[in-house]
Amino acid sequence: MSNVNVETLVSRTSAAFCALVVVASFAGAGDRPHNRYPNELQGFRFYAEYLAPLEPGLSGEEAVRRVLGDSAAVRRNGWTINTTYSMKGGPVYNPTLGPLAEIILRPDGVIPMAAVKFPPRFAHCHSSLSEFNISFDVYSDTSGLQYWLHEEDSKWGKKGDLFRIVYGPKRRPFPPNTIC
């Protein structure tokens, strides 16, 4: 083989190897876990660390047990995680559970969030819980992520304090300033 042919062969082999490396890096990018809730606020990114791969509307009670260790309330680093399920049937006192409906995280302490400006991808609506008789400002996105903040001062929290974060099923956008 002449020097020209060897140089051409080495050049083509190098180019093929570089192309292979680039293709392999793109192929590996698909192996990264998909974040089901891409709009989690900085400092409140719990899905990948504690909740993945759970998915409301699809995951069952056994999947919740595998991920959280229990299907009842669990505690993780200053947060209490509760799960709710849809009901397939049966009597209210002993229902047959359907898939996971929501994952609710409640802070064990006070987290003031009155100064937080939610990005435009979050819709704002109002909600209340009759068992507490208090109202909330709810900021939610279409992935099913919701941040519930106290709407006014009460014995349960001050205006703007975080009440809970809800990881729910995907949803359509709310019209602005509606009741959730």
N, C-alpha and C. Protein backbone atom coordinates (compact mmCIF):
# COMPACT_ATOMS: atom_id res chain seq x y z
N MET A 1 0.83 -1.17 0.00
CA MET A 1 0.00 0.00 0.00
C MET A 1 0.88 1.24 0.00
N SER A 2 0.49 2.23 -0.76
CA SER A 2 1.28 3.46 -0.82
C SER A 2 0.92 4.37 0.36
N ASN A 3 1.78 5.36 0.58
CA ASN A 3 1.56 6.31 1.66
C ASN A 3 0.25 7.08 1.48
N VAL A 4 -0.12 7.40 0.24
CA VAL A 4 -1.35 8.12 -0.04
C VAL A 4 -2.54 7.26 0.37
N ASN A 5 -2.52 5.95 0.02
CA ASN A 5 -3.62 5.05 0.38
C ASN A 5 -3.73 4.87 1.89
N VAL A 6 -2.60 4.78 2.58
CA VAL A 6 -2.61 4.63 4.05
C VAL A 6 -3.19 5.89 4.68
N GLU A 7 -2.78 7.07 4.18
CA GLU A 7 -3.31 8.32 4.72
C GLU A 7 -4.82 8.41 4.50
N THR A 8 -5.29 8.01 3.33
CA THR A 8 -6.71 8.04 3.03
C THR A 8 -7.47 7.07 3.94
N LEU A 9 -6.91 5.87 4.12
CA LEU A 9 -7.54 4.88 5.00
C LEU A 9 -7.61 5.38 6.44
N VAL A 10 -6.54 5.96 6.95
CA VAL A 10 -6.51 6.49 8.31
C VAL A 10 -7.50 7.64 8.45
N SER A 11 -7.54 8.50 7.46
CA SER A 11 -8.45 9.65 7.47
C SER A 11 -9.91 9.18 7.50
N ARG A 12 -10.25 8.20 6.67
CA ARG A 12 -11.63 7.68 6.61
C ARG A 12 -11.98 6.94 7.91
N THR A 13 -11.03 6.19 8.46
CA THR A 13 -11.26 5.47 9.71
C THR A 13 -11.48 6.46 10.85
N SER A 14 -10.70 7.53 10.89
CA SER A 14 -10.85 8.56 11.93
C SER A 14 -12.21 9.24 11.82
N ALA A 15 -12.60 9.56 10.59
CA ALA A 15 -13.91 10.20 10.38
C ALA A 15 -15.05 9.27 10.79
N ALA A 16 -14.94 7.99 10.46
CA ALA A 16 -15.97 7.02 10.84
C ALA A 16 -16.04 6.87 12.35
N PHE A 17 -14.89 6.85 13.01
CA PHE A 17 -14.86 6.74 14.48
C PHE A 17 -15.50 7.96 15.13
N CYS A 18 -15.18 9.16 14.62
CA CYS A 18 -15.79 10.39 15.17
C CYS A 18 -17.30 10.37 14.98
N ALA A 19 -17.76 9.94 13.81
CA ALA A 19 -19.20 9.86 13.56
C ALA A 19 -19.87 8.87 14.53
N LEU A 20 -19.19 7.76 14.78
CA LEU A 20 -19.70 6.76 15.71
C LEU A 20 -19.82 7.33 17.12
N VAL A 21 -18.83 8.09 17.54
CA VAL A 21 -18.86 8.70 18.88
C VAL A 21 -20.03 9.68 18.99
N VAL A 22 -20.23 10.50 17.96
CA VAL A 22 -21.33 11.47 17.96
C VAL A 22 -22.67 10.75 18.00
N VAL A 23 -22.86 9.75 17.17
CA VAL A 23 -24.11 8.99 17.15
C VAL A 23 -24.35 8.31 18.50
N ALA A 24 -23.32 7.74 19.08
CA ALA A 24 -23.46 7.05 20.37
C ALA A 24 -23.83 8.04 21.47
N SER A 25 -23.30 9.27 21.41
CA SER A 25 -23.64 10.25 22.45
C SER A 25 -25.10 10.67 22.34
N PHE A 26 -25.62 10.82 21.09
CA PHE A 26 -27.03 11.14 20.93
C PHE A 26 -27.91 9.97 21.35
N ALA A 27 -27.49 8.78 21.07
CA ALA A 27 -28.26 7.59 21.47
C ALA A 27 -28.32 7.50 22.98
N GLY A 28 -27.25 7.82 23.66
CA GLY A 28 -27.24 7.78 25.12
C GLY A 28 -28.10 8.86 25.74
N ALA A 29 -28.33 9.98 25.01
CA ALA A 29 -29.16 11.06 25.55
C ALA A 29 -30.57 10.58 25.79
N GLY A 30 -31.05 9.63 25.00
CA GLY A 30 -32.39 9.10 25.20
C GLY A 30 -32.50 8.24 26.43
N ASP A 31 -31.37 7.80 26.99
CA ASP A 31 -31.39 6.95 28.16
C ASP A 31 -31.58 7.75 29.45
N ARG A 32 -31.42 9.06 29.38
CA ARG A 32 -31.62 9.88 30.57
C ARG A 32 -33.08 9.81 30.98
N PRO A 33 -33.38 9.80 32.29
CA PRO A 33 -34.77 9.72 32.70
C PRO A 33 -35.54 10.96 32.27
N HIS A 34 -36.73 10.74 31.75
CA HIS A 34 -37.61 11.83 31.34
C HIS A 34 -38.25 12.43 32.58
N ASN A 35 -38.19 13.74 32.71
CA ASN A 35 -38.83 14.38 33.86
C ASN A 35 -40.28 14.65 33.52
N ARG A 36 -41.14 13.91 34.15
CA ARG A 36 -42.58 14.01 33.93
C ARG A 36 -43.11 15.39 34.29
N TYR A 37 -42.41 16.11 35.18
CA TYR A 37 -42.81 17.44 35.64
C TYR A 37 -41.68 18.43 35.37
N PRO A 38 -41.56 18.91 34.13
CA PRO A 38 -40.40 19.73 33.75
C PRO A 38 -40.38 21.13 34.35
N ASN A 39 -41.49 21.60 34.91
CA ASN A 39 -41.56 22.97 35.41
C ASN A 39 -41.40 23.10 36.92
N GLU A 40 -40.85 22.08 37.58
CA GLU A 40 -40.64 22.18 39.02
C GLU A 40 -39.77 23.40 39.31
N LEU A 41 -40.13 24.13 40.35
CA LEU A 41 -39.37 25.32 40.72
C LEU A 41 -38.03 24.93 41.32
N GLN A 42 -37.03 25.79 41.12
CA GLN A 42 -35.71 25.60 41.72
C GLN A 42 -35.86 25.43 43.23
N GLY A 43 -35.22 24.44 43.79
CA GLY A 43 -35.32 24.18 45.22
C GLY A 43 -36.48 23.27 45.60
N PHE A 44 -37.35 22.98 44.62
CA PHE A 44 -38.51 22.11 44.87
C PHE A 44 -38.59 21.03 43.78
N ARG A 45 -37.46 20.47 43.43
CA ARG A 45 -37.43 19.44 42.38
C ARG A 45 -37.37 18.07 43.04
N PHE A 46 -38.56 17.51 43.28
CA PHE A 46 -38.67 16.26 44.02
C PHE A 46 -38.95 15.05 43.14
N TYR A 47 -39.47 15.28 41.93
CA TYR A 47 -39.90 14.14 41.13
C TYR A 47 -38.77 13.16 40.86
N ALA A 48 -37.67 13.63 40.29
CA ALA A 48 -36.57 12.71 39.93
C ALA A 48 -35.97 12.05 41.17
N GLU A 49 -35.88 12.77 42.28
CA GLU A 49 -35.23 12.23 43.47
C GLU A 49 -36.10 11.26 44.27
N TYR A 50 -37.38 11.57 44.42
CA TYR A 50 -38.23 10.78 45.30
C TYR A 50 -39.38 10.04 44.61
N LEU A 51 -39.87 10.56 43.49
CA LEU A 51 -41.15 10.07 42.96
C LEU A 51 -41.07 9.30 41.65
N ALA A 52 -40.03 9.50 40.86
CA ALA A 52 -39.93 8.82 39.57
C ALA A 52 -39.81 7.31 39.78
N PRO A 53 -40.42 6.54 38.96
CA PRO A 53 -41.15 6.79 37.74
C PRO A 53 -42.67 6.80 37.94
N LEU A 54 -43.16 7.13 39.13
CA LEU A 54 -44.60 7.13 39.38
C LEU A 54 -45.30 8.11 38.44
N GLU A 55 -46.49 7.71 37.98
CA GLU A 55 -47.25 8.57 37.09
C GLU A 55 -48.74 8.47 37.44
N PRO A 56 -49.31 9.59 37.96
CA PRO A 56 -50.74 9.58 38.27
C PRO A 56 -51.57 9.20 37.05
N GLY A 57 -52.58 8.40 37.31
CA GLY A 57 -53.44 7.90 36.25
C GLY A 57 -52.98 6.57 35.68
N LEU A 58 -51.72 6.20 35.93
CA LEU A 58 -51.18 4.95 35.40
C LEU A 58 -50.63 4.02 36.47
N SER A 59 -49.85 4.56 37.40
CA SER A 59 -49.18 3.74 38.41
C SER A 59 -50.18 3.17 39.41
N GLY A 60 -49.93 1.94 39.83
CA GLY A 60 -50.78 1.30 40.82
C GLY A 60 -50.17 1.35 42.21
N GLU A 61 -50.89 0.78 43.16
CA GLU A 61 -50.47 0.78 44.56
C GLU A 61 -49.13 0.06 44.75
N GLU A 62 -48.91 -1.02 44.01
CA GLU A 62 -47.65 -1.77 44.14
C GLU A 62 -46.46 -0.94 43.66
N ALA A 63 -46.64 -0.18 42.59
CA ALA A 63 -45.57 0.70 42.10
C ALA A 63 -45.24 1.77 43.14
N VAL A 64 -46.26 2.30 43.79
CA VAL A 64 -46.05 3.30 44.86
C VAL A 64 -45.25 2.67 45.99
N ARG A 65 -45.59 1.44 46.36
CA ARG A 65 -44.86 0.74 47.42
C ARG A 65 -43.38 0.55 47.06
N ARG A 66 -43.12 0.19 45.80
CA ARG A 66 -41.74 0.00 45.34
C ARG A 66 -40.94 1.30 45.41
N VAL A 67 -41.55 2.41 45.03
CA VAL A 67 -40.83 3.69 44.97
C VAL A 67 -40.72 4.34 46.34
N LEU A 68 -41.81 4.38 47.08
CA LEU A 68 -41.83 5.11 48.35
C LEU A 68 -41.62 4.20 49.57
N GLY A 69 -41.76 2.89 49.39
CA GLY A 69 -41.59 1.97 50.50
C GLY A 69 -42.88 1.68 51.23
N ASP A 70 -43.93 2.44 50.94
CA ASP A 70 -45.23 2.25 51.58
C ASP A 70 -46.27 2.97 50.74
N SER A 71 -47.51 2.52 50.81
CA SER A 71 -48.57 3.23 50.08
C SER A 71 -49.27 4.23 51.00
N ALA A 72 -48.90 4.25 52.27
CA ALA A 72 -49.41 5.26 53.22
C ALA A 72 -48.42 6.43 53.23
N ALA A 73 -48.65 7.40 54.10
CA ALA A 73 -47.78 8.58 54.19
C ALA A 73 -46.35 8.18 54.56
N VAL A 74 -45.39 8.80 53.89
CA VAL A 74 -43.97 8.59 54.19
C VAL A 74 -43.31 9.95 54.36
N ARG A 75 -42.22 9.97 55.11
CA ARG A 75 -41.48 11.22 55.33
C ARG A 75 -40.13 11.15 54.65
N ARG A 76 -39.76 12.25 54.00
CA ARG A 76 -38.47 12.37 53.33
C ARG A 76 -37.93 13.79 53.54
N ASN A 77 -36.84 13.92 54.27
CA ASN A 77 -36.10 15.18 54.39
C ASN A 77 -36.97 16.41 54.61
N GLY A 78 -37.83 16.39 55.61
CA GLY A 78 -38.64 17.56 55.94
C GLY A 78 -39.95 17.67 55.19
N TRP A 79 -40.32 16.61 54.50
CA TRP A 79 -41.58 16.59 53.74
C TRP A 79 -42.36 15.32 54.06
N THR A 80 -43.68 15.43 54.07
CA THR A 80 -44.55 14.27 54.20
C THR A 80 -45.19 14.03 52.84
N ILE A 81 -45.06 12.82 52.35
CA ILE A 81 -45.57 12.46 51.03
C ILE A 81 -46.79 11.56 51.21
N ASN A 82 -47.92 12.01 50.67
CA ASN A 82 -49.17 11.24 50.70
C ASN A 82 -49.56 10.90 49.27
N THR A 83 -50.20 9.78 49.10
CA THR A 83 -50.71 9.39 47.79
C THR A 83 -52.21 9.20 47.88
N THR A 84 -52.91 9.55 46.82
CA THR A 84 -54.35 9.29 46.73
C THR A 84 -54.58 8.45 45.48
N TYR A 85 -55.66 7.72 45.50
CA TYR A 85 -55.97 6.80 44.40
C TYR A 85 -57.39 7.04 43.92
N SER A 86 -57.62 6.77 42.64
CA SER A 86 -58.99 6.78 42.16
C SER A 86 -59.66 5.49 42.64
N MET A 87 -60.97 5.52 42.67
CA MET A 87 -61.72 4.37 43.18
C MET A 87 -62.34 3.63 42.00
N LYS A 88 -62.06 2.33 41.91
CA LYS A 88 -62.63 1.51 40.84
C LYS A 88 -64.06 1.10 41.15
N GLY A 89 -64.32 0.78 42.40
CA GLY A 89 -65.64 0.33 42.78
C GLY A 89 -65.66 -0.13 44.22
N GLY A 90 -66.74 -0.81 44.59
CA GLY A 90 -66.87 -1.30 45.94
C GLY A 90 -67.44 -0.25 46.87
N PRO A 91 -67.73 -0.63 48.10
CA PRO A 91 -68.30 0.33 49.05
C PRO A 91 -67.25 1.36 49.49
N VAL A 92 -67.71 2.51 49.92
CA VAL A 92 -66.83 3.59 50.34
C VAL A 92 -65.93 3.17 51.50
N TYR A 93 -66.45 2.34 52.41
CA TYR A 93 -65.66 1.93 53.57
C TYR A 93 -64.60 0.87 53.23
N ASN A 94 -64.69 0.24 52.04
CA ASN A 94 -63.70 -0.75 51.62
C ASN A 94 -63.61 -0.76 50.09
N PRO A 95 -63.13 0.35 49.51
CA PRO A 95 -63.17 0.45 48.04
C PRO A 95 -62.10 -0.39 47.36
N THR A 96 -62.36 -0.69 46.10
CA THR A 96 -61.35 -1.28 45.24
C THR A 96 -60.61 -0.11 44.60
N LEU A 97 -59.30 -0.02 44.87
CA LEU A 97 -58.55 1.12 44.39
C LEU A 97 -58.17 1.00 42.93
N GLY A 98 -58.22 2.12 42.25
CA GLY A 98 -57.75 2.22 40.88
C GLY A 98 -56.32 2.75 40.88
N PRO A 99 -55.92 3.39 39.81
CA PRO A 99 -54.54 3.89 39.74
C PRO A 99 -54.32 5.11 40.64
N LEU A 100 -53.07 5.43 40.83
CA LEU A 100 -52.65 6.60 41.58
C LEU A 100 -53.33 7.84 41.01
N ALA A 101 -53.92 8.67 41.88
CA ALA A 101 -54.58 9.90 41.42
C ALA A 101 -53.64 11.09 41.58
N GLU A 102 -53.05 11.24 42.76
CA GLU A 102 -52.16 12.38 43.04
C GLU A 102 -51.10 11.98 44.05
N ILE A 103 -49.99 12.70 43.98
CA ILE A 103 -48.94 12.60 45.01
C ILE A 103 -48.88 13.98 45.64
N ILE A 104 -49.05 14.03 46.96
CA ILE A 104 -49.11 15.32 47.67
C ILE A 104 -47.93 15.41 48.63
N LEU A 105 -47.15 16.47 48.50
CA LEU A 105 -46.03 16.73 49.41
C LEU A 105 -46.39 17.91 50.30
N ARG A 106 -46.32 17.71 51.60
CA ARG A 106 -46.57 18.77 52.57
C ARG A 106 -45.27 19.05 53.31
N PRO A 107 -44.87 20.32 53.40
CA PRO A 107 -43.65 20.63 54.15
C PRO A 107 -43.89 20.42 55.64
N ASP A 108 -42.89 19.90 56.34
CA ASP A 108 -43.01 19.72 57.79
C ASP A 108 -42.82 21.05 58.54
N GLY A 109 -42.31 22.06 57.87
CA GLY A 109 -42.11 23.38 58.46
C GLY A 109 -42.73 24.45 57.58
N VAL A 110 -42.54 25.69 57.97
CA VAL A 110 -43.08 26.83 57.22
C VAL A 110 -42.13 27.17 56.08
N ILE A 111 -42.70 27.34 54.88
CA ILE A 111 -41.92 27.77 53.72
C ILE A 111 -42.63 28.98 53.12
N PRO A 112 -42.13 30.20 53.41
CA PRO A 112 -42.75 31.40 52.84
C PRO A 112 -42.46 31.49 51.34
N MET A 113 -43.50 31.73 50.56
CA MET A 113 -43.33 31.83 49.11
C MET A 113 -44.05 33.04 48.54
N ALA A 114 -44.45 33.99 49.39
CA ALA A 114 -45.20 35.16 48.93
C ALA A 114 -44.43 35.96 47.89
N ALA A 115 -43.11 35.98 47.97
CA ALA A 115 -42.28 36.76 47.05
C ALA A 115 -41.98 36.03 45.74
N VAL A 116 -42.36 34.77 45.64
CA VAL A 116 -42.07 34.00 44.43
C VAL A 116 -42.95 34.49 43.28
N LYS A 117 -42.31 34.73 42.16
CA LYS A 117 -43.04 35.09 40.93
C LYS A 117 -43.06 33.84 40.06
N PHE A 118 -44.24 33.27 39.89
CA PHE A 118 -44.35 32.05 39.09
C PHE A 118 -44.22 32.39 37.61
N PRO A 119 -43.51 31.55 36.87
CA PRO A 119 -43.36 31.78 35.42
C PRO A 119 -44.71 31.74 34.72
N PRO A 120 -44.82 32.34 33.54
CA PRO A 120 -46.09 32.38 32.81
C PRO A 120 -46.68 31.01 32.48
N ARG A 121 -45.86 29.96 32.47
CA ARG A 121 -46.39 28.63 32.15
C ARG A 121 -47.28 28.08 33.27
N PHE A 122 -47.31 28.79 34.42
CA PHE A 122 -48.19 28.42 35.52
C PHE A 122 -49.45 29.27 35.48
N ALA A 123 -50.61 28.61 35.50
CA ALA A 123 -51.88 29.32 35.59
C ALA A 123 -52.19 29.54 37.07
N HIS A 124 -52.91 30.60 37.37
CA HIS A 124 -53.30 30.91 38.75
C HIS A 124 -54.79 30.70 38.88
N CYS A 125 -55.20 29.97 39.92
CA CYS A 125 -56.61 29.80 40.21
C CYS A 125 -56.78 29.77 41.73
N HIS A 126 -58.02 29.69 42.18
CA HIS A 126 -58.33 29.72 43.61
C HIS A 126 -59.01 28.41 44.00
N SER A 127 -58.70 27.93 45.21
CA SER A 127 -59.32 26.72 45.72
C SER A 127 -59.43 26.82 47.23
N SER A 128 -60.20 25.92 47.81
CA SER A 128 -60.32 25.90 49.27
C SER A 128 -60.48 24.47 49.74
N LEU A 129 -60.20 24.27 51.01
CA LEU A 129 -60.42 22.97 51.65
C LEU A 129 -61.43 23.19 52.77
N SER A 130 -62.58 22.57 52.63
CA SER A 130 -63.65 22.81 53.60
C SER A 130 -63.31 22.29 54.99
N GLU A 131 -62.49 21.23 55.08
CA GLU A 131 -62.16 20.70 56.41
C GLU A 131 -61.32 21.68 57.22
N PHE A 132 -60.63 22.60 56.54
CA PHE A 132 -59.86 23.63 57.24
C PHE A 132 -60.55 24.99 57.17
N ASN A 133 -61.48 25.14 56.23
CA ASN A 133 -62.17 26.39 55.97
C ASN A 133 -61.17 27.50 55.62
N ILE A 134 -60.22 27.19 54.77
CA ILE A 134 -59.25 28.18 54.31
C ILE A 134 -59.14 28.11 52.79
N SER A 135 -58.68 29.22 52.21
CA SER A 135 -58.57 29.33 50.75
C SER A 135 -57.10 29.37 50.34
N PHE A 136 -56.88 29.01 49.09
CA PHE A 136 -55.52 28.92 48.56
C PHE A 136 -55.42 29.56 47.19
N ASP A 137 -54.25 30.10 46.91
CA ASP A 137 -53.85 30.46 45.55
C ASP A 137 -53.14 29.23 45.01
N VAL A 138 -53.61 28.73 43.89
CA VAL A 138 -53.02 27.52 43.31
C VAL A 138 -52.39 27.90 41.98
N TYR A 139 -51.10 27.57 41.86
CA TYR A 139 -50.36 27.80 40.63
C TYR A 139 -50.08 26.44 40.02
N SER A 140 -50.57 26.24 38.79
CA SER A 140 -50.44 24.91 38.19
C SER A 140 -50.05 25.01 36.72
N ASP A 141 -49.40 23.95 36.26
CA ASP A 141 -49.04 23.87 34.84
C ASP A 141 -49.79 22.70 34.22
N THR A 142 -49.61 22.52 32.93
CA THR A 142 -50.35 21.46 32.23
C THR A 142 -49.78 20.07 32.47
N SER A 143 -48.59 19.96 33.09
CA SER A 143 -48.04 18.64 33.39
C SER A 143 -48.74 18.02 34.60
N GLY A 144 -49.51 18.84 35.35
CA GLY A 144 -50.21 18.35 36.53
C GLY A 144 -49.55 18.80 37.83
N LEU A 145 -48.54 19.65 37.75
CA LEU A 145 -47.84 20.15 38.92
C LEU A 145 -48.59 21.35 39.50
N GLN A 146 -48.80 21.35 40.82
CA GLN A 146 -49.52 22.44 41.49
C GLN A 146 -48.79 22.86 42.75
N TYR A 147 -48.70 24.16 42.95
CA TYR A 147 -48.18 24.73 44.20
C TYR A 147 -49.35 25.46 44.87
N TRP A 148 -49.71 25.02 46.08
CA TRP A 148 -50.81 25.59 46.85
C TRP A 148 -50.23 26.53 47.91
N LEU A 149 -50.57 27.83 47.82
CA LEU A 149 -50.12 28.83 48.78
C LEU A 149 -51.32 29.37 49.55
N HIS A 150 -51.12 29.65 50.84
CA HIS A 150 -52.20 30.23 51.64
C HIS A 150 -52.61 31.57 51.03
N GLU A 151 -53.92 31.75 50.84
CA GLU A 151 -54.43 32.98 50.23
C GLU A 151 -54.49 34.13 51.24
N GLU A 152 -54.66 33.78 52.51
CA GLU A 152 -54.71 34.80 53.58
C GLU A 152 -54.21 34.17 54.87
N ASP A 153 -53.95 35.00 55.86
CA ASP A 153 -53.49 34.50 57.16
C ASP A 153 -54.58 33.67 57.84
N SER A 154 -54.17 32.57 58.46
CA SER A 154 -55.08 31.73 59.24
C SER A 154 -54.24 31.03 60.30
N LYS A 155 -54.89 30.24 61.14
CA LYS A 155 -54.11 29.50 62.14
C LYS A 155 -53.27 28.40 61.49
N TRP A 156 -53.53 28.10 60.22
CA TRP A 156 -52.80 27.05 59.50
C TRP A 156 -51.59 27.58 58.76
N GLY A 157 -51.51 28.90 58.58
CA GLY A 157 -50.37 29.48 57.87
C GLY A 157 -50.62 30.93 57.51
N LYS A 158 -49.57 31.61 57.13
CA LYS A 158 -49.66 33.01 56.74
C LYS A 158 -49.82 33.12 55.22
N LYS A 159 -50.35 34.26 54.79
CA LYS A 159 -50.53 34.52 53.36
C LYS A 159 -49.21 34.27 52.63
N GLY A 160 -49.28 33.45 51.58
CA GLY A 160 -48.11 33.17 50.76
C GLY A 160 -47.28 31.97 51.21
N ASP A 161 -47.56 31.42 52.40
CA ASP A 161 -46.84 30.22 52.84
C ASP A 161 -47.26 29.02 51.98
N LEU A 162 -46.30 28.16 51.69
CA LEU A 162 -46.59 26.95 50.93
C LEU A 162 -47.39 25.98 51.78
N PHE A 163 -48.54 25.55 51.28
CA PHE A 163 -49.35 24.55 51.97
C PHE A 163 -49.00 23.15 51.49
N ARG A 164 -48.91 22.99 50.15
CA ARG A 164 -48.57 21.69 49.59
C ARG A 164 -48.18 21.81 48.13
N ILE A 165 -47.52 20.78 47.65
CA ILE A 165 -47.20 20.62 46.23
C ILE A 165 -47.91 19.34 45.78
N VAL A 166 -48.61 19.43 44.67
CA VAL A 166 -49.35 18.27 44.16
C VAL A 166 -48.78 17.88 42.80
N TYR A 167 -48.49 16.59 42.67
CA TYR A 167 -48.08 16.00 41.39
C TYR A 167 -49.28 15.18 40.92
N GLY A 168 -49.97 15.69 39.90
CA GLY A 168 -51.17 15.03 39.42
C GLY A 168 -51.07 14.66 37.95
N PRO A 169 -52.19 14.25 37.37
CA PRO A 169 -52.20 13.89 35.95
C PRO A 169 -52.11 15.14 35.08
N LYS A 170 -51.70 14.96 33.84
CA LYS A 170 -51.66 16.07 32.89
C LYS A 170 -53.07 16.64 32.76
N ARG A 171 -53.15 17.93 32.46
CA ARG A 171 -54.45 18.57 32.35
C ARG A 171 -54.42 19.68 31.31
N ARG A 172 -55.58 20.13 30.95
CA ARG A 172 -55.71 21.27 30.04
C ARG A 172 -55.51 22.56 30.83
N PRO A 173 -55.11 23.62 30.16
CA PRO A 173 -54.92 24.90 30.88
C PRO A 173 -56.24 25.43 31.44
N PHE A 174 -56.15 26.08 32.62
CA PHE A 174 -57.31 26.77 33.21
C PHE A 174 -57.40 28.16 32.60
N PRO A 175 -58.62 28.68 32.46
CA PRO A 175 -58.71 30.11 32.14
C PRO A 175 -58.17 30.91 33.34
N PRO A 176 -57.63 32.11 33.13
CA PRO A 176 -57.05 32.87 34.25
C PRO A 176 -58.06 33.18 35.35
N ASN A 177 -57.57 33.21 36.59
CA ASN A 177 -58.34 33.59 37.78
C ASN A 177 -59.66 32.85 37.93
N THR A 178 -59.62 31.55 37.74
CA THR A 178 -60.82 30.74 37.91
C THR A 178 -60.71 29.95 39.20
N ILE A 179 -61.80 29.30 39.56
CA ILE A 179 -61.78 28.39 40.70
C ILE A 179 -61.32 27.05 40.15
N CYS A 180 -60.33 26.48 40.78
CA CYS A 180 -59.73 25.23 40.29
C CYS A 180 -60.73 24.09 40.33
